[in-house]
Amino acid sequence: MILTTLEGVPGHKVVKHLGLVQGSTVRAKNVGRDIAAGFKNLVGGELKGYTELLQEARHEATQRMMQEASKLGANAVVNIRYATSSLTQGAAELFVYGTAVQID
């Protein structure tokens, strides 16, 4: 399956528009990551625990979006966008959406 943030796939023609597809996941921080992040805040630098958490969340949300697109018969998802929101203290949602299409 081709995934792109572009409105189309270069070199291909969209032959069928299948509609909006989406995937999301809600992730919570854990105590271990919070403690490590707290120490890292003192000295600066990358918060690797949170970086890994967001990478896992993006992967899971993208997989769910791709599953929805596959069920519709798509072979590509175009115009993909990511968004995040805080649901409650310590938990955040990562949301991805795009347009499922069939390309030649």
Foldseek 3Di string as FASTA:
>chain_A
DAEELAPDDPPKDFPWWQFKFKFKDKDFDDPVLVVQVVVCVVVDDDSVSVVVVVVVGVVRGVVRRVVVLVVSVAPYWYNKDWDKDAPDVRMIMIMIMTIGTHID
